[in-house]
């Protein structure tokens, strides 16, 4: 993992831009907007993904693999924190004195003349951002946006709009969410994460307080989450709106029915009682929707119309996404990679599967997170009927001795419920044998576990 150098001056004109890791959800969205502005864009990524294909169609030159020869002669290089310090394109750019800009700096440049709505939080960012963007479009606004995932009905994660609004998913993992000129800040929750970067839960929460305090217009923050509540106490912002089940929340949620494939709920706000409905499962999505509602009201939209507009949201890529069905078994994929997210996703899936069983194929993400939270992961995953645990997706970290996916599997109270499969190629057959007609298989994690979906469907055929 590289440490971003935020002291690097941002060019007045980015010129030709090379993105190292261009296929990532955030990076590809930023690259897309620069392409739309007329910039020449090149880049590299480890895999030839759908994001890469879309960028090529728009005119970008994208190389597969990281090699110094892929750098070319750009005026600016954009990187993510997830790069290794030994990345040859990064090193050559530094050697040649080419400005190397963190992706958050590039996004801050794009948003600098706009009224920025920034969504941050340990969970729910991508969904909440998608809800706000979808609702704004349905309400007749034309926002620019960069989201961390593809918004289903828009088939894109980023676009340039005609209004002054710019909605972004703000990444807290490396502190880069502090670099935007934010007008409206939404904090979905402050569940402890990324402690490898922050060092302590207290430091993590203080950064969220800085993020909220910098919002020039208003802050929307979860009233139920303990971490968010502690952040709220640190704030002296003149306009803070809270949302949640708490009786003192400004936007109070009640009467949630998350017993099926859709969720209904009520919201009380300033004496008004509003009925909400989503074509998505899960109580957590009702909470996300009410946070989005508070943002829209803060921006000046009428509450009832705003809630109806949010109801048109159809989800985002890699959030309980159905990929296919074989011999009566449906195969889904979900991005959940923190115990709280895993529990929320599996609770929602349980409501949808009905009498069927849940078979979860889980890929832990990061050695540090697995070491710190293996027991919590086991407890959350136990909401499944059967669990296949893979080895760890390292991402930006070096291996830690003794830290493997087996830490998670060994933490299960019921060892008959879990199967640690170290070899990727063996996992599809194991999962397929555990599933019967009417069951769901769910791949889960924010690494590359989604790539197993075709193999799972093939294994189910045999």
Protein backbone atom coordinates (compact mmCIF):
# COMPACT_ATOMS: atom_id res chain seq x y z
CA UNK A 1 0.00 0.00 0.00
CA UNK A 2 1.42 3.40 -0.96
CA UNK A 3 0.97 6.39 1.32
CA UNK A 4 -0.70 9.21 -0.65
CA UNK A 5 1.38 12.35 -0.98
CA UNK A 6 -1.26 15.02 -0.55
CA UNK A 7 1.43 17.72 -0.65
CA UNK A 8 1.82 17.13 -4.40
CA UNK A 9 0.37 20.25 -6.11
CA UNK A 10 -2.60 19.53 -8.33
CA UNK A 11 -1.98 20.76 -11.91
CA UNK A 12 -4.15 23.50 -13.35
CA UNK A 13 -4.53 21.31 -16.43
CA UNK A 14 -4.24 17.53 -16.12
CA UNK A 15 -3.49 17.15 -19.85
CA UNK A 16 -3.01 13.51 -20.82
CA UNK A 17 -3.77 11.35 -17.77
CA UNK A 18 -2.52 7.86 -16.94
CA UNK A 19 -4.50 5.92 -14.30
CA UNK A 20 -2.65 3.12 -12.51
CA UNK A 21 -5.44 0.75 -11.47
CA UNK A 22 -7.96 2.26 -13.86
CA UNK A 23 -10.48 -0.59 -13.60
CA UNK A 24 -11.45 0.04 -9.97
CA UNK A 25 -14.95 1.34 -9.35
CA UNK A 26 -13.87 4.78 -8.19
CA UNK A 27 -10.93 5.15 -10.57
CA UNK A 28 -12.95 4.12 -13.63
CA UNK A 29 -15.65 6.67 -12.77
CA UNK A 30 -13.11 9.49 -12.47
CA UNK A 31 -11.47 8.41 -15.73
CA UNK A 32 -14.85 8.39 -17.46
CA UNK A 33 -15.54 12.00 -16.49
CA UNK A 34 -12.10 13.14 -17.64
CA UNK A 35 -12.75 11.40 -20.97
CA UNK A 36 -16.03 13.27 -21.26
CA UNK A 37 -14.17 16.52 -20.69
CA UNK A 38 -11.95 15.80 -23.68
CA UNK A 39 -8.80 14.58 -21.94
CA UNK A 40 -6.71 11.80 -23.42
CA UNK A 41 -6.79 8.94 -20.93
CA UNK A 42 -4.56 5.89 -20.64
CA UNK A 43 -4.29 3.36 -17.87
CA UNK A 44 -3.46 -0.11 -16.63
CA UNK A 45 -5.12 -2.74 -14.51
CA UNK A 46 -4.49 -6.32 -13.48
CA UNK A 47 -7.61 -7.70 -15.19
CA UNK A 48 -9.68 -7.05 -18.29
CA UNK A 49 -12.99 -6.23 -16.59
CA UNK A 50 -16.29 -4.71 -17.66
CA UNK A 51 -15.10 -1.32 -16.40
CA UNK A 52 -12.03 -1.61 -18.61
CA UNK A 53 -14.14 -2.54 -21.64
CA UNK A 54 -16.42 0.47 -21.08
CA UNK A 55 -13.47 2.85 -20.85
CA UNK A 56 -11.98 1.46 -24.06
CA UNK A 57 -15.31 2.03 -25.81
CA UNK A 58 -15.13 5.66 -24.65
CA UNK A 59 -11.66 6.08 -26.12
CA UNK A 60 -9.24 5.20 -23.32
CA UNK A 61 -6.13 3.13 -23.99
CA UNK A 62 -5.93 0.49 -21.26
CA UNK A 63 -3.14 -2.07 -20.76
CA UNK A 64 -3.57 -5.27 -18.77
CA UNK A 65 -0.84 -5.77 -16.19
CA UNK A 66 1.49 -3.26 -14.60
CA UNK A 67 4.69 -2.54 -16.49
CA UNK A 68 6.87 0.55 -16.91
CA UNK A 69 6.32 0.39 -20.67
CA UNK A 70 2.61 1.07 -20.12
CA UNK A 71 3.23 4.53 -18.70
CA UNK A 72 3.80 6.32 -22.02
CA UNK A 73 4.24 10.09 -21.82
CA UNK A 74 1.38 11.44 -19.68
CA UNK A 75 1.19 14.90 -18.15
CA UNK A 76 -0.38 13.56 -14.95
CA UNK A 77 -0.55 10.16 -13.25
CA UNK A 78 -3.47 9.21 -10.98
CA UNK A 79 -3.03 6.42 -8.42
CA UNK A 80 -4.92 4.74 -5.58
CA UNK A 81 -3.69 3.88 -2.10
CA UNK A 82 -4.08 0.20 -2.95
CA UNK A 83 -0.95 0.18 -5.14
CA UNK A 84 2.21 -1.50 -3.97
CA UNK A 85 5.17 0.92 -3.54
CA UNK A 86 7.07 -1.22 -6.06
CA UNK A 87 4.58 -0.64 -8.88
CA UNK A 88 6.77 -0.01 -11.95
CA UNK A 89 4.53 2.63 -13.51
CA UNK A 90 4.34 4.56 -10.23
CA UNK A 91 8.12 4.38 -9.74
CA UNK A 92 8.89 5.50 -13.31
CA UNK A 93 6.49 8.43 -13.04
CA UNK A 94 8.16 9.55 -9.81
CA UNK A 95 11.61 9.13 -11.38
CA UNK A 96 10.63 11.25 -14.37
CA UNK A 97 9.11 14.00 -12.21
CA UNK A 98 5.57 13.55 -13.58
CA UNK A 99 2.95 14.80 -11.09
CA UNK A 100 1.54 11.73 -9.28
CA UNK A 101 -1.92 12.57 -7.90
CA UNK A 102 -4.03 10.48 -5.54
CA UNK A 103 -7.46 9.68 -6.95
CA UNK A 104 -9.14 11.78 -4.25
CA UNK A 105 -7.15 14.80 -5.45
CA UNK A 106 -8.32 14.17 -9.01
CA UNK A 107 -11.93 13.91 -7.80
CA UNK A 108 -11.52 17.06 -5.69
CA UNK A 109 -10.33 18.84 -8.85
CA UNK A 110 -13.42 17.67 -10.76
CA UNK A 111 -15.79 18.77 -7.99
CA UNK A 112 -14.09 22.06 -7.08
CA UNK A 113 -16.68 24.28 -8.81
CA UNK A 114 -19.70 22.30 -7.65
CA UNK A 115 -21.98 21.94 -4.66
CA UNK A 116 -20.63 18.65 -3.34
CA UNK A 117 -22.72 16.02 -1.57
CA UNK A 118 -20.22 13.59 -0.01
CA UNK A 119 -21.32 10.23 1.40
CA UNK A 120 -19.03 8.53 3.91
CA UNK A 121 -19.30 5.65 6.36
CA UNK A 122 -18.04 2.18 7.08
CA UNK A 123 -21.07 0.61 5.34
CA UNK A 124 -23.84 1.68 3.00
CA UNK A 125 -21.92 4.36 1.08
CA UNK A 126 -22.43 2.98 -2.40
CA UNK A 127 -26.12 2.23 -1.90
CA UNK A 128 -26.82 5.59 -0.24
CA UNK A 129 -24.96 7.45 -2.98
CA UNK A 130 -26.92 5.55 -5.62
CA UNK A 131 -30.20 6.38 -3.88
CA UNK A 132 -29.39 10.11 -3.78
CA UNK A 133 -28.32 10.17 -7.44
CA UNK A 134 -31.36 8.21 -8.64
CA UNK A 135 -33.74 10.37 -6.63
CA UNK A 136 -32.18 13.63 -7.87
CA UNK A 137 -32.62 12.48 -11.46
CA UNK A 138 -36.23 11.49 -10.79
CA UNK A 139 -36.83 14.88 -9.17
CA UNK A 140 -35.65 16.66 -12.30
CA UNK A 141 -32.14 17.57 -11.20
CA UNK A 142 -29.09 16.69 -13.28
CA UNK A 143 -26.27 15.91 -10.86
CA UNK A 144 -22.73 14.89 -11.69
CA UNK A 145 -21.71 11.84 -9.69
CA UNK A 146 -18.96 9.32 -9.00
CA UNK A 147 -20.13 6.24 -7.10
CA UNK A 148 -18.26 3.20 -5.85
CA UNK A 149 -20.47 0.86 -7.85
CA UNK A 150 -22.60 0.76 -10.97
CA UNK A 151 -26.13 2.08 -10.37
CA UNK A 152 -28.44 -0.56 -11.85
CA UNK A 153 -30.94 1.52 -13.82
CA UNK A 154 -28.26 3.95 -15.04
CA UNK A 155 -25.76 1.21 -15.98
CA UNK A 156 -22.89 3.45 -14.90
CA UNK A 157 -21.03 4.53 -11.77
CA UNK A 158 -20.27 8.07 -12.96
CA UNK A 159 -21.59 10.83 -15.19
CA UNK A 160 -21.28 14.57 -15.75
CA UNK A 161 -24.53 16.43 -15.15
CA UNK A 162 -25.80 19.91 -15.98
CA UNK A 163 -26.55 21.22 -12.47
CA UNK A 164 -24.16 22.48 -9.79
CA UNK A 165 -24.71 19.33 -7.68
CA UNK A 166 -21.94 16.72 -7.59
CA UNK A 167 -22.64 13.56 -5.53
CA UNK A 168 -19.64 11.44 -4.53
CA UNK A 169 -18.87 8.39 -2.47
CA UNK A 170 -16.10 9.60 -0.16
CA UNK A 171 -13.56 6.97 0.89
CA UNK A 172 -12.56 7.03 4.56
CA UNK A 173 -10.09 4.13 4.35
CA UNK A 174 -7.00 6.34 3.99
CA UNK A 175 -8.27 9.71 5.19
CA UNK A 176 -8.75 11.01 1.65
CA UNK A 177 -12.39 11.95 2.34
CA UNK A 178 -11.10 15.11 3.99
CA UNK A 179 -9.93 16.60 0.70
CA UNK A 180 -13.26 17.66 -0.79
CA UNK A 181 -14.94 21.05 -0.54
CA UNK A 182 -18.08 19.45 0.83
CA UNK A 183 -21.39 21.28 1.03
CA UNK A 184 -23.51 18.41 2.41
CA UNK A 185 -22.03 15.45 4.32
CA UNK A 186 -23.86 12.16 4.92
CA UNK A 187 -22.35 9.75 7.46
CA UNK A 188 -24.08 6.40 7.18
CA UNK A 189 -22.29 4.93 10.25
CA UNK A 190 -18.89 4.92 11.94
CA UNK A 191 -18.36 1.22 12.64
CA UNK A 192 -14.67 0.67 13.42
CA UNK A 193 -12.66 -0.32 10.34
CA UNK A 194 -9.36 0.50 8.62
CA UNK A 195 -7.60 0.47 11.97
CA UNK A 196 -4.44 -0.58 10.10
CA UNK A 197 -4.40 3.03 8.83
CA UNK A 198 -5.87 4.93 11.80
CA UNK A 199 -4.35 2.96 14.65
CA UNK A 200 -7.32 3.29 17.00
CA UNK A 201 -11.10 3.58 17.01
CA UNK A 202 -10.80 7.00 18.62
CA UNK A 203 -8.60 8.30 15.79
CA UNK A 204 -11.02 6.84 13.25
CA UNK A 205 -13.93 8.74 14.81
CA UNK A 206 -11.99 12.00 15.05
CA UNK A 207 -11.40 11.91 11.29
CA UNK A 208 -15.14 11.54 10.70
CA UNK A 209 -15.72 14.54 12.94
CA UNK A 210 -13.29 16.56 10.80
CA UNK A 211 -15.11 15.42 7.67
CA UNK A 212 -18.49 16.51 9.08
CA UNK A 213 -17.23 19.80 10.50
CA UNK A 214 -15.94 20.85 7.08
CA UNK A 215 -19.39 20.64 5.43
CA UNK A 216 -20.41 24.19 4.52
CA UNK A 217 -24.19 23.62 4.52
CA UNK A 218 -25.32 20.66 6.61
CA UNK A 219 -24.50 17.25 8.05
CA UNK A 220 -26.72 14.15 8.06
CA UNK A 221 -25.64 11.43 10.50
CA UNK A 222 -26.94 8.10 11.80
CA UNK A 223 -28.57 8.38 15.25
CA UNK A 224 -28.41 4.63 16.04
CA UNK A 225 -24.80 3.74 15.34
CA UNK A 226 -22.65 4.09 18.51
CA UNK A 227 -19.63 5.40 16.60
CA UNK A 228 -21.74 7.96 14.74
CA UNK A 229 -23.31 9.04 18.02
CA UNK A 230 -19.85 9.68 19.48
CA UNK A 231 -18.94 11.68 16.35
CA UNK A 232 -22.12 13.75 16.72
CA UNK A 233 -21.07 14.71 20.25
CA UNK A 234 -17.80 16.08 18.84
CA UNK A 235 -19.59 18.36 16.37
CA UNK A 236 -20.39 22.05 16.77
CA UNK A 237 -21.86 22.35 13.29
CA UNK A 238 -24.84 24.74 13.04
CA UNK A 239 -26.98 22.31 11.03
CA UNK A 240 -26.91 18.62 11.93
CA UNK A 241 -29.80 16.30 11.00
CA UNK A 242 -30.03 12.79 12.42
CA UNK A 243 -31.82 9.70 11.13
CA UNK A 244 -32.60 6.27 12.54
CA UNK A 245 -34.87 4.37 14.91
CA UNK A 246 -33.87 6.52 17.89
CA UNK A 247 -36.86 8.41 19.30
CA UNK A 248 -34.90 11.68 19.15
CA UNK A 249 -33.85 11.31 15.51
CA UNK A 250 -34.96 14.13 13.21
CA UNK A 251 -35.96 11.54 10.59
CA UNK A 252 -37.32 8.70 12.70
CA UNK A 253 -37.82 5.25 11.19
CA UNK A 254 -40.59 2.91 12.37
CA UNK A 255 -42.76 -0.01 11.29
CA UNK A 256 -40.14 -1.66 9.07
CA UNK A 257 -41.32 -4.79 7.26
CA UNK A 258 -38.29 -6.56 5.83
CA UNK A 259 -39.85 -10.02 5.72
CA UNK A 260 -39.64 -10.47 1.97
CA UNK A 261 -37.91 -9.37 -1.21
CA UNK A 262 -39.04 -5.77 -0.67
CA UNK A 263 -38.98 -3.55 2.40
CA UNK A 264 -41.57 -1.06 3.60
CA UNK A 265 -41.21 1.46 6.41
CA UNK A 266 -42.51 4.72 7.87
CA UNK A 267 -40.65 7.96 8.48
CA UNK A 268 -41.64 10.72 10.89
CA UNK A 269 -40.27 14.20 10.18
CA UNK A 270 -41.48 17.50 11.62
CA UNK A 271 -44.94 16.11 12.31
CA UNK A 272 -45.25 14.42 8.91
CA UNK A 273 -45.71 10.67 8.61
CA UNK A 274 -44.32 9.32 5.35
CA UNK A 275 -44.60 5.82 3.90
CA UNK A 276 -41.57 4.40 2.12
CA UNK A 277 -41.15 1.34 -0.09
CA UNK A 278 -38.08 -0.16 -1.77
CA UNK A 279 -37.80 -2.98 -4.29
CA UNK A 280 -34.76 -4.16 -2.31
CA UNK A 281 -34.62 -6.48 0.69
CA UNK A 282 -33.30 -5.72 4.15
CA UNK A 283 -33.86 -3.36 7.04
CA UNK A 284 -30.43 -1.85 6.39
CA UNK A 285 -31.69 -0.55 3.04
CA UNK A 286 -34.60 1.19 4.77
CA UNK A 287 -32.03 2.93 6.98
CA UNK A 288 -29.95 3.89 3.92
CA UNK A 289 -33.06 5.29 2.26
CA UNK A 290 -33.92 7.51 5.21
CA UNK A 291 -30.38 8.87 5.33
CA UNK A 292 -30.71 9.70 1.63
CA UNK A 293 -34.10 11.31 2.33
CA UNK A 294 -32.55 13.60 4.94
CA UNK A 295 -29.94 14.73 2.41
CA UNK A 296 -32.58 15.51 -0.20
CA UNK A 297 -34.66 17.48 2.29
CA UNK A 298 -31.53 19.35 3.30
CA UNK A 299 -31.01 20.23 -0.36
CA UNK A 300 -34.51 21.73 -0.47
CA UNK A 301 -36.71 18.96 -1.88
CA UNK A 302 -40.19 18.22 -0.55
CA UNK A 303 -40.05 15.14 1.75
CA UNK A 304 -42.88 13.06 0.28
CA UNK A 305 -41.75 13.56 -3.31
CA UNK A 306 -38.15 12.84 -2.31
CA UNK A 307 -39.07 9.56 -0.61
CA UNK A 308 -41.08 8.46 -3.65
CA UNK A 309 -38.10 9.28 -5.87
CA UNK A 310 -35.79 7.17 -3.68
CA UNK A 311 -38.20 4.26 -4.10
CA UNK A 312 -37.30 4.08 -7.79
CA UNK A 313 -33.76 2.97 -6.92
CA UNK A 314 -33.03 -0.57 -8.17
CA UNK A 315 -29.74 -1.28 -6.46
CA UNK A 316 -26.08 -1.31 -7.40
CA UNK A 317 -23.67 -3.84 -8.79
CA UNK A 318 -22.34 -6.39 -6.29
CA UNK A 319 -25.05 -5.71 -3.70
CA UNK A 320 -27.11 -8.93 -3.46
CA UNK A 321 -26.85 -9.23 -7.24
CA UNK A 322 -28.44 -12.28 -8.90
CA UNK A 323 -26.21 -13.84 -11.56
CA UNK A 324 -28.02 -17.03 -12.55
CA UNK A 325 -29.80 -20.22 -11.57
CA UNK A 326 -28.95 -23.88 -12.09
CA UNK A 327 -30.96 -26.93 -10.90
CA UNK A 328 -33.12 -24.63 -8.82
CA UNK A 329 -30.21 -22.96 -6.99
CA UNK A 330 -29.84 -19.20 -7.40
CA UNK A 331 -26.33 -17.72 -7.33
CA UNK A 332 -25.86 -14.21 -5.93
CA UNK A 333 -22.87 -11.99 -5.29
CA UNK A 334 -22.45 -9.42 -2.53
CA UNK A 335 -19.70 -6.93 -1.66
CA UNK A 336 -20.02 -7.30 2.14
CA UNK A 337 -16.59 -7.47 3.77
CA UNK A 338 -17.09 -6.26 7.36
CA UNK A 339 -18.99 -8.28 10.02
CA UNK A 340 -21.77 -5.70 10.24
CA UNK A 341 -22.23 -5.73 6.45
CA UNK A 342 -22.13 -9.53 6.34
CA UNK A 343 -24.84 -9.79 9.01
CA UNK A 344 -27.05 -7.23 7.23
CA UNK A 345 -26.66 -8.90 3.83
CA UNK A 346 -27.39 -12.39 5.17
CA UNK A 347 -30.39 -11.20 7.18
CA UNK A 348 -31.83 -9.71 4.00
CA UNK A 349 -31.03 -12.86 2.02
CA UNK A 350 -32.73 -14.99 4.69
CA UNK A 351 -35.94 -13.01 4.18
CA UNK A 352 -35.82 -13.59 0.43
CA UNK A 353 -34.84 -17.28 0.38
CA UNK A 354 -37.87 -18.28 2.47
CA UNK A 355 -37.77 -22.01 3.20
CA UNK A 356 -34.52 -22.42 1.26
CA UNK A 357 -31.03 -22.49 2.74
CA UNK A 358 -28.14 -20.04 2.41
CA UNK A 359 -24.72 -21.27 1.33
CA UNK A 360 -22.17 -18.46 1.59
CA UNK A 361 -18.76 -18.53 -0.09
CA UNK A 362 -16.78 -15.97 1.89
CA UNK A 363 -13.43 -14.45 0.96
CA UNK A 364 -11.83 -12.50 3.83
CA UNK A 365 -10.31 -9.17 2.81
CA UNK A 366 -7.04 -7.93 4.34
CA UNK A 367 -4.83 -9.75 6.83
CA UNK A 368 -5.23 -7.01 9.44
CA UNK A 369 -9.04 -7.06 9.28
CA UNK A 370 -9.10 -10.86 9.48
CA UNK A 371 -6.75 -10.89 12.46
CA UNK A 372 -8.78 -8.28 14.32
CA UNK A 373 -12.29 -9.50 13.43
CA UNK A 374 -12.18 -13.24 12.74
CA UNK A 375 -14.52 -14.06 15.64
CA UNK A 376 -17.00 -11.37 14.58
CA UNK A 377 -16.93 -12.68 11.00
CA UNK A 378 -17.70 -16.20 12.21
CA UNK A 379 -20.64 -14.95 14.27
CA UNK A 380 -22.08 -13.00 11.32
CA UNK A 381 -21.51 -15.78 8.79
CA UNK A 382 -23.27 -18.23 11.09
CA UNK A 383 -26.52 -16.65 9.86
CA UNK A 384 -25.93 -18.89 6.81
CA UNK A 385 -26.79 -22.56 6.84
CA UNK A 386 -23.43 -23.53 5.36
CA UNK A 387 -20.27 -21.47 4.82
CA UNK A 388 -17.28 -22.04 2.56
CA UNK A 389 -14.34 -19.89 3.70
CA UNK A 390 -11.61 -19.09 1.19
CA UNK A 391 -8.14 -17.79 1.86
CA UNK A 392 -7.54 -14.06 2.35
CA UNK A 393 -7.56 -11.52 -0.48
CA UNK A 394 -4.45 -9.54 0.46
CA UNK A 395 -5.20 -6.36 -1.51
CA UNK A 396 -2.69 -3.77 -0.30
CA UNK A 397 -1.15 -5.80 2.55
CA UNK A 398 1.75 -8.20 2.97
CA UNK A 399 0.97 -11.63 4.45
CA UNK A 400 1.01 -12.04 8.22
CA UNK A 401 2.34 -15.32 9.68
CA UNK A 402 -0.47 -17.48 10.96
CA UNK A 403 -3.23 -15.27 9.53
CA UNK A 404 -5.31 -17.16 6.95
CA UNK A 405 -8.96 -17.82 6.22
CA UNK A 406 -8.74 -20.69 8.70
CA UNK A 407 -8.81 -18.13 11.52
CA UNK A 408 -12.39 -17.39 10.50
CA UNK A 409 -13.43 -21.02 10.08
CA UNK A 410 -11.86 -22.09 13.39
CA UNK A 411 -13.91 -19.38 15.15
CA UNK A 412 -17.26 -21.02 14.27
CA UNK A 413 -19.03 -22.51 17.28
CA UNK A 414 -20.59 -25.17 15.01
CA UNK A 415 -17.77 -26.69 12.98
CA UNK A 416 -20.28 -28.76 10.99
CA UNK A 417 -21.46 -25.47 9.48
CA UNK A 418 -18.16 -24.32 7.99
CA UNK A 419 -15.70 -25.60 5.38
CA UNK A 420 -12.28 -23.98 4.96
CA UNK A 421 -11.20 -24.48 1.33
CA UNK A 422 -7.71 -23.12 0.74
CA UNK A 423 -7.59 -24.03 -2.96
CA UNK A 424 -9.81 -21.70 -5.04
CA UNK A 425 -10.47 -24.33 -7.72
CA UNK A 426 -11.91 -26.77 -5.17
CA UNK A 427 -14.43 -24.33 -3.69
CA UNK A 428 -17.12 -24.33 -6.44
CA UNK A 429 -17.64 -28.08 -6.21
CA UNK A 430 -17.78 -27.94 -2.40
CA UNK A 431 -20.41 -25.18 -2.45
CA UNK A 432 -22.46 -26.85 -5.20
CA UNK A 433 -22.66 -30.12 -3.23
CA UNK A 434 -24.00 -28.22 -0.22
CA UNK A 435 -26.90 -26.65 -2.17
CA UNK A 436 -30.24 -28.08 -3.22
CA UNK A 437 -33.19 -26.74 -5.21
CA UNK A 438 -34.62 -23.64 -3.54
CA UNK A 439 -31.32 -22.66 -1.93
CA UNK A 440 -29.13 -19.60 -2.54
CA UNK A 441 -25.37 -19.61 -3.00
CA UNK A 442 -23.88 -16.20 -2.23
CA UNK A 443 -20.30 -15.22 -2.97
CA UNK A 444 -19.29 -12.55 -0.47
CA UNK A 445 -16.34 -10.20 -0.09
CA UNK A 446 -14.79 -7.12 -1.70
CA UNK A 447 -11.84 -8.93 -3.31
CA UNK A 448 -12.16 -11.02 -6.47
CA UNK A 449 -14.56 -13.69 -5.15
CA UNK A 450 -17.16 -12.51 -7.70
CA UNK A 451 -15.01 -14.19 -10.36
CA UNK A 452 -16.08 -17.55 -8.94
CA UNK A 453 -19.72 -17.09 -9.99
CA UNK A 454 -19.33 -18.73 -13.47
CA UNK A 455 -17.51 -21.67 -11.87
CA UNK A 456 -20.29 -22.08 -9.31
CA UNK A 457 -22.97 -22.12 -11.99
CA UNK A 458 -20.93 -24.67 -13.96
CA UNK A 459 -20.46 -26.83 -10.86
CA UNK A 460 -24.20 -26.80 -10.26
CA UNK A 461 -24.78 -28.20 -13.75
CA UNK A 462 -22.88 -31.41 -12.97
